[in-house]
Amino acid sequence: MAKIGYARVSSKEQHLDRQLVALKDVDKLFTNKLSGANTNRPELKKMLAYIREGDIVMVTELDCLGRNNQDLTNSLASKYSIKLLVMALMPPACTSGGGK
């Protein structure tokens, strides 16, 4: 079982530093500086090809893997047949007015 990290920022002007610090203990790290709207994310594709059953995919936030739930589902669809844990290190931001 390996800990695989994936970090992404949306533009080349943004920095991965905060994510890299949070993911410092992973066994293998993949990074992209591309918008989530861009479905051609080479390092995400490499990570998906690299992971094996039992691995833990670690991201700082789930939106690193996809810009919305459908994109996230599509990103991981090729791995549905294996046991895989995806772990987001930061809690999702609450965007509804009901949570206090």
PDB file of N, CA and C in Angstrom:
ATOM      1  N   MET A   1       0.848  -1.175   0.000  1.00  0.00           N
ATOM      2  CA  MET A   1       0.000   0.000   0.000  1.00  0.00           C
ATOM      3  C   MET A   1       0.891   1.235   0.000  1.00  0.00           C
ATOM      4  N   ALA A   2       0.699   2.076  -1.005  1.00  0.00           N
ATOM      5  CA  ALA A   2       1.494   3.296  -1.127  1.00  0.00           C
ATOM      6  C   ALA A   2       0.601   4.515  -0.954  1.00  0.00           C
ATOM      7  N   LYS A   3       1.196   5.590  -0.455  1.00  0.00           N
ATOM      8  CA  LYS A   3       0.499   6.871  -0.374  1.00  0.00           C
ATOM      9  C   LYS A   3       0.907   7.679  -1.603  1.00  0.00           C
ATOM     10  N   ILE A   4      -0.079   7.971  -2.442  1.00  0.00           N
ATOM     11  CA  ILE A   4       0.157   8.684  -3.687  1.00  0.00           C
ATOM     12  C   ILE A   4      -0.456  10.073  -3.560  1.00  0.00           C
ATOM     13  N   GLY A   5       0.327  11.104  -3.793  1.00  0.00           N
ATOM     14  CA  GLY A   5      -0.166  12.474  -3.692  1.00  0.00           C
ATOM     15  C   GLY A   5      -0.423  13.075  -5.055  1.00  0.00           C
ATOM     16  N   TYR A   6      -1.448  13.914  -5.115  1.00  0.00           N
ATOM     17  CA  TYR A   6      -1.737  14.666  -6.336  1.00  0.00           C
ATOM     18  C   TYR A   6      -2.048  16.102  -5.942  1.00  0.00           C
ATOM     19  N   ALA A   7      -1.321  17.035  -6.533  1.00  0.00           N
ATOM     20  CA  ALA A   7      -1.522  18.459  -6.266  1.00  0.00           C
ATOM     21  C   ALA A   7      -1.777  19.164  -7.588  1.00  0.00           C
ATOM     22  N   ARG A   8      -2.700  20.140  -7.550  1.00  0.00           N
ATOM     23  CA  ARG A   8      -3.008  20.895  -8.766  1.00  0.00           C
ATOM     24  C   ARG A   8      -3.389  22.319  -8.404  1.00  0.00           C
ATOM     25  N   VAL A   9      -2.895  23.246  -9.195  1.00  0.00           N
ATOM     26  CA  VAL A   9      -3.364  24.625  -9.153  1.00  0.00           C
ATOM     27  C   VAL A   9      -3.892  24.957 -10.538  1.00  0.00           C
ATOM     28  N   SER A  10      -4.707  26.008 -10.620  1.00  0.00           N
ATOM     29  CA  SER A  10      -5.431  26.295 -11.855  1.00  0.00           C
ATOM     30  C   SER A  10      -4.647  27.084 -12.891  1.00  0.00           C
ATOM     31  N   SER A  11      -3.526  27.671 -12.514  1.00  0.00           N
ATOM     32  CA  SER A  11      -2.762  28.450 -13.486  1.00  0.00           C
ATOM     33  C   SER A  11      -1.275  28.407 -13.143  1.00  0.00           C
ATOM     34  N   LYS A  12      -0.465  28.762 -14.121  1.00  0.00           N
ATOM     35  CA  LYS A  12       0.985  28.760 -13.914  1.00  0.00           C
ATOM     36  C   LYS A  12       1.422  29.849 -12.931  1.00  0.00           C
ATOM     37  N   GLU A  13       0.574  30.868 -12.733  1.00  0.00           N
ATOM     38  CA  GLU A  13       0.895  31.940 -11.798  1.00  0.00           C
ATOM     39  C   GLU A  13       0.678  31.518 -10.344  1.00  0.00           C
ATOM     40  N   GLN A  14      -0.133  30.504 -10.111  1.00  0.00           N
ATOM     41  CA  GLN A  14      -0.389  30.030  -8.756  1.00  0.00           C
ATOM     42  C   GLN A  14       0.728  29.087  -8.318  1.00  0.00           C
ATOM     43  N   HIS A  15       0.835  28.897  -7.012  1.00  0.00           N
ATOM     44  CA  HIS A  15       1.916  28.089  -6.467  1.00  0.00           C
ATOM     45  C   HIS A  15       1.386  26.835  -5.780  1.00  0.00           C
ATOM     46  N   LEU A  16       2.144  25.770  -5.886  1.00  0.00           N
ATOM     47  CA  LEU A  16       1.806  24.488  -5.266  1.00  0.00           C
ATOM     48  C   LEU A  16       2.349  24.363  -3.842  1.00  0.00           C
ATOM     49  N   ASP A  17       3.072  25.362  -3.365  1.00  0.00           N
ATOM     50  CA  ASP A  17       3.815  25.258  -2.105  1.00  0.00           C
ATOM     51  C   ASP A  17       2.996  24.706  -0.941  1.00  0.00           C
ATOM     52  N   ARG A  18       1.820  25.278  -0.689  1.00  0.00           N
ATOM     53  CA  ARG A  18       1.000  24.849   0.456  1.00  0.00           C
ATOM     54  C   ARG A  18       0.618  23.379   0.324  1.00  0.00           C
ATOM     55  N   GLN A  19       0.262  22.962  -0.889  1.00  0.00           N
ATOM     56  CA  GLN A  19      -0.113  21.571  -1.106  1.00  0.00           C
ATOM     57  C   GLN A  19       1.087  20.640  -0.945  1.00  0.00           C
ATOM     58  N   LEU A  20       2.240  21.068  -1.442  1.00  0.00           N
ATOM     59  CA  LEU A  20       3.437  20.231  -1.344  1.00  0.00           C
ATOM     60  C   LEU A  20       3.847  20.012   0.105  1.00  0.00           C
ATOM     61  N   VAL A  21       3.695  21.025   0.937  1.00  0.00           N
ATOM     62  CA  VAL A  21       3.990  20.877   2.366  1.00  0.00           C
ATOM     63  C   VAL A  21       3.035  19.859   2.978  1.00  0.00           C
ATOM     64  N   ALA A  22       1.752  19.970   2.661  1.00  0.00           N
ATOM     65  CA  ALA A  22       0.753  19.052   3.224  1.00  0.00           C
ATOM     66  C   ALA A  22       0.962  17.616   2.747  1.00  0.00           C
ATOM     67  N   LEU A  23       1.523  17.453   1.555  1.00  0.00           N
ATOM     68  CA  LEU A  23       1.699  16.122   0.964  1.00  0.00           C
ATOM     69  C   LEU A  23       3.140  15.616   1.088  1.00  0.00           C
ATOM     70  N   LYS A  24       3.905  16.179   1.994  1.00  0.00           N
ATOM     71  CA  LYS A  24       5.338  15.866   2.083  1.00  0.00           C
ATOM     72  C   LYS A  24       5.646  14.413   2.411  1.00  0.00           C
ATOM     73  N   ASP A  25       4.725  13.696   3.018  1.00  0.00           N
ATOM     74  CA  ASP A  25       5.002  12.319   3.440  1.00  0.00           C
ATOM     75  C   ASP A  25       4.512  11.248   2.467  1.00  0.00           C
ATOM     76  N   VAL A  26       4.113  11.648   1.263  1.00  0.00           N
ATOM     77  CA  VAL A  26       3.638  10.639   0.309  1.00  0.00           C
ATOM     78  C   VAL A  26       4.819   9.890  -0.298  1.00  0.00           C
ATOM     79  N   ASP A  27       4.530   8.715  -0.833  1.00  0.00           N
ATOM     80  CA  ASP A  27       5.571   7.908  -1.475  1.00  0.00           C
ATOM     81  C   ASP A  27       5.858   8.372  -2.897  1.00  0.00           C
ATOM     82  N   LYS A  28       4.842   8.892  -3.574  1.00  0.00           N
ATOM     83  CA  LYS A  28       4.983   9.350  -4.961  1.00  0.00           C
ATOM     84  C   LYS A  28       4.057  10.540  -5.133  1.00  0.00           C
ATOM     85  N   LEU A  29       4.537  11.586  -5.817  1.00  0.00           N
ATOM     86  CA  LEU A  29       3.756  12.810  -5.971  1.00  0.00           C
ATOM     87  C   LEU A  29       3.624  13.176  -7.444  1.00  0.00           C
ATOM     88  N   PHE A  30       2.417  13.557  -7.825  1.00  0.00           N
ATOM     89  CA  PHE A  30       2.123  14.022  -9.176  1.00  0.00           C
ATOM     90  C   PHE A  30       1.564  15.438  -9.059  1.00  0.00           C
ATOM     91  N   THR A  31       1.966  16.350  -9.961  1.00  0.00           N
ATOM     92  CA  THR A  31       1.489  17.732  -9.895  1.00  0.00           C
ATOM     93  C   THR A  31       1.097  18.245 -11.275  1.00  0.00           C
ATOM     94  N   ASN A  32       0.104  19.132 -11.304  1.00  0.00           N
ATOM     95  CA  ASN A  32      -0.318  19.821 -12.525  1.00  0.00           C
ATOM     96  C   ASN A  32      -0.538  21.284 -12.217  1.00  0.00           C
ATOM     97  N   LYS A  33      -0.224  22.129 -13.185  1.00  0.00           N
ATOM     98  CA  LYS A  33      -0.574  23.550 -13.120  1.00  0.00           C
ATOM     99  C   LYS A  33      -1.499  23.821 -14.295  1.00  0.00           C
ATOM    100  N   LEU A  34      -2.721  23.320 -14.169  1.00  0.00           N
ATOM    101  CA  LEU A  34      -3.722  23.441 -15.232  1.00  0.00           C
ATOM    102  C   LEU A  34      -5.091  23.651 -14.624  1.00  0.00           C
ATOM    103  N   SER A  35      -5.933  24.350 -15.327  1.00  0.00           N
ATOM    104  CA  SER A  35      -7.307  24.552 -14.883  1.00  0.00           C
ATOM    105  C   SER A  35      -8.042  23.223 -14.790  1.00  0.00           C
ATOM    106  N   GLY A  36      -8.927  23.107 -13.811  1.00  0.00           N
ATOM    107  CA  GLY A  36      -9.766  21.921 -13.693  1.00  0.00           C
ATOM    108  C   GLY A  36     -10.693  21.773 -14.882  1.00  0.00           C
ATOM    109  N   ALA A  37     -10.955  22.876 -15.592  1.00  0.00           N
ATOM    110  CA  ALA A  37     -11.795  22.822 -16.785  1.00  0.00           C
ATOM    111  C   ALA A  37     -11.073  22.104 -17.924  1.00  0.00           C
ATOM    112  N   ASN A  38      -9.755  22.046 -17.848  1.00  0.00           N
ATOM    113  CA  ASN A  38      -8.958  21.344 -18.849  1.00  0.00           C
ATOM    114  C   ASN A  38      -8.962  19.857 -18.497  1.00  0.00           C
ATOM    115  N   THR A  39      -9.609  19.054 -19.317  1.00  0.00           N
ATOM    116  CA  THR A  39      -9.687  17.621 -19.016  1.00  0.00           C
ATOM    117  C   THR A  39      -8.420  16.876 -19.408  1.00  0.00           C
ATOM    118  N   ASN A  40      -7.512  17.522 -20.121  1.00  0.00           N
ATOM    119  CA  ASN A  40      -6.235  16.906 -20.470  1.00  0.00           C
ATOM    120  C   ASN A  40      -5.210  17.296 -19.403  1.00  0.00           C
ATOM    121  N   ARG A  41      -5.204  16.537 -18.313  1.00  0.00           N
ATOM    122  CA  ARG A  41      -4.278  16.792 -17.206  1.00  0.00           C
ATOM    123  C   ARG A  41      -3.268  15.646 -17.180  1.00  0.00           C
ATOM    124  N   PRO A  42      -2.111  15.820 -17.824  1.00  0.00           N
ATOM    125  CA  PRO A  42      -1.152  14.724 -17.997  1.00  0.00           C
ATOM    126  C   PRO A  42      -0.733  14.040 -16.697  1.00  0.00           C
ATOM    127  N   GLU A  43      -0.467  14.801 -15.654  1.00  0.00           N
ATOM    128  CA  GLU A  43      -0.011  14.182 -14.408  1.00  0.00           C
ATOM    129  C   GLU A  43      -1.136  13.430 -13.703  1.00  0.00           C
ATOM    130  N   LEU A  44      -2.380  13.883 -13.851  1.00  0.00           N
ATOM    131  CA  LEU A  44      -3.508  13.131 -13.299  1.00  0.00           C
ATOM    132  C   LEU A  44      -3.622  11.792 -14.017  1.00  0.00           C
ATOM    133  N   LYS A  45      -3.465  11.814 -15.331  1.00  0.00           N
ATOM    134  CA  LYS A  45      -3.514  10.558 -16.097  1.00  0.00           C
ATOM    135  C   LYS A  45      -2.384   9.619 -15.675  1.00  0.00           C
ATOM    136  N   LYS A  46      -1.188  10.169 -15.464  1.00  0.00           N
ATOM    137  CA  LYS A  46      -0.060   9.342 -15.014  1.00  0.00           C
ATOM    138  C   LYS A  46      -0.341   8.748 -13.639  1.00  0.00           C
ATOM    139  N   MET A  47      -0.920   9.570 -12.740  1.00  0.00           N
ATOM    140  CA  MET A  47      -1.228   9.079 -11.398  1.00  0.00           C
ATOM    141  C   MET A  47      -2.254   7.956 -11.465  1.00  0.00           C
ATOM    142  N   LEU A  48      -3.290   8.132 -12.277  1.00  0.00           N
ATOM    143  CA  LEU A  48      -4.324   7.102 -12.386  1.00  0.00           C
ATOM    144  C   LEU A  48      -3.755   5.804 -12.952  1.00  0.00           C
ATOM    145  N   ALA A  49      -2.786   5.907 -13.844  1.00  0.00           N
ATOM    146  CA  ALA A  49      -2.144   4.705 -14.381  1.00  0.00           C
ATOM    147  C   ALA A  49      -1.218   4.064 -13.345  1.00  0.00           C
ATOM    148  N   TYR A  50      -0.671   4.867 -12.454  1.00  0.00           N
ATOM    149  CA  TYR A  50       0.308   4.401 -11.467  1.00  0.00           C
ATOM    150  C   TYR A  50      -0.332   3.692 -10.276  1.00  0.00           C
ATOM    151  N   ILE A  51      -1.482   4.179  -9.811  1.00  0.00           N
ATOM    152  CA  ILE A  51      -2.062   3.650  -8.570  1.00  0.00           C
ATOM    153  C   ILE A  51      -2.503   2.198  -8.729  1.00  0.00           C
ATOM    154  N   ARG A  52      -2.401   1.490  -7.617  1.00  0.00           N
ATOM    155  CA  ARG A  52      -2.752   0.067  -7.567  1.00  0.00           C
ATOM    156  C   ARG A  52      -3.731  -0.174  -6.428  1.00  0.00           C
ATOM    157  N   GLU A  53      -4.337  -1.334  -6.431  1.00  0.00           N
ATOM    158  CA  GLU A  53      -5.289  -1.689  -5.380  1.00  0.00           C
ATOM    159  C   GLU A  53      -4.638  -1.541  -4.011  1.00  0.00           C
ATOM    160  N   GLY A  54      -5.371  -0.922  -3.096  1.00  0.00           N
ATOM    161  CA  GLY A  54      -4.885  -0.720  -1.745  1.00  0.00           C
ATOM    162  C   GLY A  54      -4.161   0.596  -1.534  1.00  0.00           C
ATOM    163  N   ASP A  55      -3.815   1.290  -2.622  1.00  0.00           N
ATOM    164  CA  ASP A  55      -3.133   2.579  -2.487  1.00  0.00           C
ATOM    165  C   ASP A  55      -4.066   3.621  -1.881  1.00  0.00           C
ATOM    166  N   ILE A  56      -3.468   4.640  -1.318  1.00  0.00           N
ATOM    167  CA  ILE A  56      -4.202   5.780  -0.786  1.00  0.00           C
ATOM    168  C   ILE A  56      -3.837   6.988  -1.641  1.00  0.00           C
ATOM    169  N   VAL A  57      -4.826   7.582  -2.290  1.00  0.00           N
ATOM    170  CA  VAL A  57      -4.610   8.800  -3.064  1.00  0.00           C
ATOM    171  C   VAL A  57      -4.888   9.975  -2.138  1.00  0.00           C
ATOM    172  N   MET A  58      -3.885  10.818  -1.955  1.00  0.00           N
ATOM    173  CA  MET A  58      -4.012  11.950  -1.039  1.00  0.00           C
ATOM    174  C   MET A  58      -3.981  13.261  -1.817  1.00  0.00           C
ATOM    175  N   VAL A  59      -4.954  14.111  -1.538  1.00  0.00           N
ATOM    176  CA  VAL A  59      -5.032  15.454  -2.103  1.00  0.00           C
ATOM    177  C   VAL A  59      -5.307  16.410  -0.950  1.00  0.00           C
ATOM    178  N   THR A  60      -4.998  17.677  -1.134  1.00  0.00           N
ATOM    179  CA  THR A  60      -5.328  18.624  -0.074  1.00  0.00           C
ATOM    180  C   THR A  60      -6.820  18.906  -0.075  1.00  0.00           C
ATOM    181  N   GLU A  61      -7.421  18.966  -1.253  1.00  0.00           N
ATOM    182  CA  GLU A  61      -8.855  19.204  -1.392  1.00  0.00           C
ATOM    183  C   GLU A  61      -9.360  18.381  -2.570  1.00  0.00           C
ATOM    184  N   LEU A  62     -10.594  17.916  -2.487  1.00  0.00           N
ATOM    185  CA  LEU A  62     -11.136  17.066  -3.555  1.00  0.00           C
ATOM    186  C   LEU A  62     -11.168  17.769  -4.905  1.00  0.00           C
ATOM    187  N   ASP A  63     -11.292  19.102  -4.923  1.00  0.00           N
ATOM    188  CA  ASP A  63     -11.358  19.779  -6.216  1.00  0.00           C
ATOM    189  C   ASP A  63     -10.035  19.726  -6.978  1.00  0.00           C
ATOM    190  N   CYS A  64      -8.985  19.215  -6.353  1.00  0.00           N
ATOM    191  CA  CYS A  64      -7.743  18.961  -7.097  1.00  0.00           C
ATOM    192  C   CYS A  64      -7.970  17.873  -8.146  1.00  0.00           C
ATOM    193  N   LEU A  65      -8.839  16.924  -7.834  1.00  0.00           N
ATOM    194  CA  LEU A  65      -9.107  15.804  -8.739  1.00  0.00           C
ATOM    195  C   LEU A  65     -10.169  16.124  -9.782  1.00  0.00           C
ATOM    196  N   GLY A  66     -11.008  17.109  -9.526  1.00  0.00           N
ATOM    197  CA  GLY A  66     -12.054  17.463 -10.475  1.00  0.00           C
ATOM    198  C   GLY A  66     -12.749  18.731 -10.054  1.00  0.00           C
ATOM    199  N   ARG A  67     -13.255  19.475 -11.024  1.00  0.00           N
ATOM    200  CA  ARG A  67     -13.852  20.777 -10.700  1.00  0.00           C
ATOM    201  C   ARG A  67     -15.249  20.674 -10.121  1.00  0.00           C
ATOM    202  N   ASN A  68     -15.897  19.499 -10.261  1.00  0.00           N
ATOM    203  CA  ASN A  68     -17.212  19.261  -9.663  1.00  0.00           C
ATOM    204  C   ASN A  68     -17.367  17.760  -9.445  1.00  0.00           C
ATOM    205  N   ASN A  69     -18.485  17.342  -8.867  1.00  0.00           N
ATOM    206  CA  ASN A  69     -18.669  15.915  -8.561  1.00  0.00           C
ATOM    207  C   ASN A  69     -18.616  15.035  -9.799  1.00  0.00           C
ATOM    208  N   GLN A  70     -19.196  15.493 -10.905  1.00  0.00           N
ATOM    209  CA  GLN A  70     -19.187  14.692 -12.131  1.00  0.00           C
ATOM    210  C   GLN A  70     -17.765  14.525 -12.657  1.00  0.00           C
ATOM    211  N   ASP A  71     -16.993  15.598 -12.649  1.00  0.00           N
ATOM    212  CA  ASP A  71     -15.606  15.530 -13.115  1.00  0.00           C
ATOM    213  C   ASP A  71     -14.775  14.625 -12.210  1.00  0.00           C
ATOM    214  N   LEU A  72     -15.004  14.715 -10.906  1.00  0.00           N
ATOM    215  CA  LEU A  72     -14.317  13.847  -9.945  1.00  0.00           C
ATOM    216  C   LEU A  72     -14.656  12.384 -10.214  1.00  0.00           C
ATOM    217  N   THR A  73     -15.935  12.109 -10.419  1.00  0.00           N
ATOM    218  CA  THR A  73     -16.375  10.741 -10.722  1.00  0.00           C
ATOM    219  C   THR A  73     -15.743  10.246 -12.013  1.00  0.00           C
ATOM    220  N   ASN A  74     -15.732  11.090 -13.034  1.00  0.00           N
ATOM    221  CA  ASN A  74     -15.124  10.706 -14.310  1.00  0.00           C
ATOM    222  C   ASN A  74     -13.630  10.443 -14.156  1.00  0.00           C
ATOM    223  N   SER A  75     -12.953  11.257 -13.348  1.00  0.00           N
ATOM    224  CA  SER A  75     -11.510  11.082 -13.147  1.00  0.00           C
ATOM    225  C   SER A  75     -11.183   9.722 -12.548  1.00  0.00           C
ATOM    226  N   LEU A  76     -12.010   9.272 -11.612  1.00  0.00           N
ATOM    227  CA  LEU A  76     -11.724   8.026 -10.895  1.00  0.00           C
ATOM    228  C   LEU A  76     -12.430   6.807 -11.486  1.00  0.00           C
ATOM    229  N   ALA A  77     -13.235   7.000 -12.529  1.00  0.00           N
ATOM    230  CA  ALA A  77     -14.039   5.903 -13.084  1.00  0.00           C
ATOM    231  C   ALA A  77     -13.202   4.700 -13.499  1.00  0.00           C
ATOM    232  N   SER A  78     -12.011   4.927 -13.994  1.00  0.00           N
ATOM    233  CA  SER A  78     -11.183   3.808 -14.452  1.00  0.00           C
ATOM    234  C   SER A  78     -10.698   2.945 -13.298  1.00  0.00           C
ATOM    235  N   LYS A  79     -10.851   3.415 -12.075  1.00  0.00           N
ATOM    236  CA  LYS A  79     -10.352   2.690 -10.908  1.00  0.00           C
ATOM    237  C   LYS A  79     -11.465   2.100 -10.051  1.00  0.00           C
ATOM    238  N   TYR A  80     -12.703   2.093 -10.532  1.00  0.00           N
ATOM    239  CA  TYR A  80     -13.824   1.576  -9.738  1.00  0.00           C
ATOM    240  C   TYR A  80     -13.684   0.105  -9.377  1.00  0.00           C
ATOM    241  N   SER A  81     -12.958  -0.661 -10.159  1.00  0.00           N
ATOM    242  CA  SER A  81     -12.881  -2.102  -9.915  1.00  0.00           C
ATOM    243  C   SER A  81     -11.845  -2.478  -8.853  1.00  0.00           C
ATOM    244  N   ILE A  82     -11.097  -1.511  -8.347  1.00  0.00           N
ATOM    245  CA  ILE A  82     -10.102  -1.831  -7.320  1.00  0.00           C
ATOM    246  C   ILE A  82     -10.454  -1.125  -6.013  1.00  0.00           C
ATOM    247  N   LYS A  83      -9.921  -1.647  -4.920  1.00  0.00           N
ATOM    248  CA  LYS A  83     -10.102  -0.999  -3.619  1.00  0.00           C
ATOM    249  C   LYS A  83      -9.086   0.124  -3.512  1.00  0.00           C
ATOM    250  N   LEU A  84      -9.597   1.324  -3.348  1.00  0.00           N
ATOM    251  CA  LEU A  84      -8.766   2.512  -3.359  1.00  0.00           C
ATOM    252  C   LEU A  84      -9.349   3.506  -2.368  1.00  0.00           C
ATOM    253  N   LEU A  85      -8.518   4.147  -1.598  1.00  0.00           N
ATOM    254  CA  LEU A  85      -8.964   5.167  -0.655  1.00  0.00           C
ATOM    255  C   LEU A  85      -8.496   6.520  -1.158  1.00  0.00           C
ATOM    256  N   VAL A  86      -9.423   7.463  -1.271  1.00  0.00           N
ATOM    257  CA  VAL A  86      -9.082   8.836  -1.622  1.00  0.00           C
ATOM    258  C   VAL A  86      -9.240   9.666  -0.358  1.00  0.00           C
ATOM    259  N   MET A  87      -8.184  10.364   0.020  1.00  0.00           N
ATOM    260  CA  MET A  87      -8.196  11.124   1.270  1.00  0.00           C
ATOM    261  C   MET A  87      -7.916  12.597   0.981  1.00  0.00           C
ATOM    262  N   ALA A  88      -8.868  13.465   1.336  1.00  0.00           N
ATOM    263  CA  ALA A  88      -8.672  14.911   1.230  1.00  0.00           C
ATOM    264  C   ALA A  88      -8.222  15.413   2.596  1.00  0.00           C
ATOM    265  N   LEU A  89      -7.109  16.116   2.638  1.00  0.00           N
ATOM    266  CA  LEU A  89      -6.536  16.556   3.901  1.00  0.00           C
ATOM    267  C   LEU A  89      -7.248  17.764   4.492  1.00  0.00           C
ATOM    268  N   MET A  90      -7.906  18.563   3.653  1.00  0.00           N
ATOM    269  CA  MET A  90      -8.626  19.746   4.121  1.00  0.00           C
ATOM    270  C   MET A  90     -10.123  19.483   4.018  1.00  0.00           C
ATOM    271  N   PRO A  91     -10.904  19.914   5.010  1.00  0.00           N
ATOM    272  CA  PRO A  91     -12.350  19.734   4.906  1.00  0.00           C
ATOM    273  C   PRO A  91     -12.905  20.617   3.797  1.00  0.00           C
ATOM    274  N   PRO A  92     -13.985  20.178   3.146  1.00  0.00           N
ATOM    275  CA  PRO A  92     -14.570  21.005   2.087  1.00  0.00           C
ATOM    276  C   PRO A  92     -15.145  22.289   2.670  1.00  0.00           C
ATOM    277  N   ALA A  93     -15.097  23.341   1.881  1.00  0.00           N
ATOM    278  CA  ALA A  93     -15.688  24.606   2.318  1.00  0.00           C
ATOM    279  C   ALA A  93     -17.198  24.481   2.270  1.00  0.00           C
ATOM    280  N   CYS A  94     -17.857  24.986   3.268  1.00  0.00           N
ATOM    281  CA  CYS A  94     -19.317  24.966   3.309  1.00  0.00           C
ATOM    282  C   CYS A  94     -19.819  26.155   2.511  1.00  0.00           C
ATOM    283  N   THR A  95     -20.575  25.898   1.455  1.00  0.00           N
ATOM    284  CA  THR A  95     -21.068  26.984   0.618  1.00  0.00           C
ATOM    285  C   THR A  95     -22.548  27.251   0.837  1.00  0.00           C
ATOM    286  N   SER A  96     -23.195  26.467   1.696  1.00  0.00           N
ATOM    287  CA  SER A  96     -24.611  26.714   1.967  1.00  0.00           C
ATOM    288  C   SER A  96     -24.735  27.617   3.187  1.00  0.00           C
ATOM    289  N   GLY A  97     -25.828  28.311   3.274  1.00  0.00           N
ATOM    290  CA  GLY A  97     -26.042  29.212   4.394  1.00  0.00           C
ATOM    291  C   GLY A  97     -26.462  28.495   5.660  1.00  0.00           C
ATOM    292  N   GLY A  98     -26.804  27.203   5.575  1.00  0.00           N
ATOM    293  CA  GLY A  98     -27.333  26.477   6.715  1.00  0.00           C
ATOM    294  C   GLY A  98     -26.306  26.027   7.727  1.00  0.00           C
ATOM    295  N   GLY A  99     -25.075  25.782   7.321  1.00  0.00           N
ATOM    296  CA  GLY A  99     -24.056  25.275   8.246  1.00  0.00           C
ATOM    297  C   GLY A  99     -23.451  26.392   9.068  1.00  0.00           C
ATOM    298  N   LYS A 100     -23.494  26.240  10.399  1.00  0.00           N
ATOM    299  CA  LYS A 100     -22.921  27.285  11.261  1.00  0.00           C
ATOM    300  C   LYS A 100     -22.012  26.670  12.277  1.00  0.00           C
TER     301      LYS A 100
END
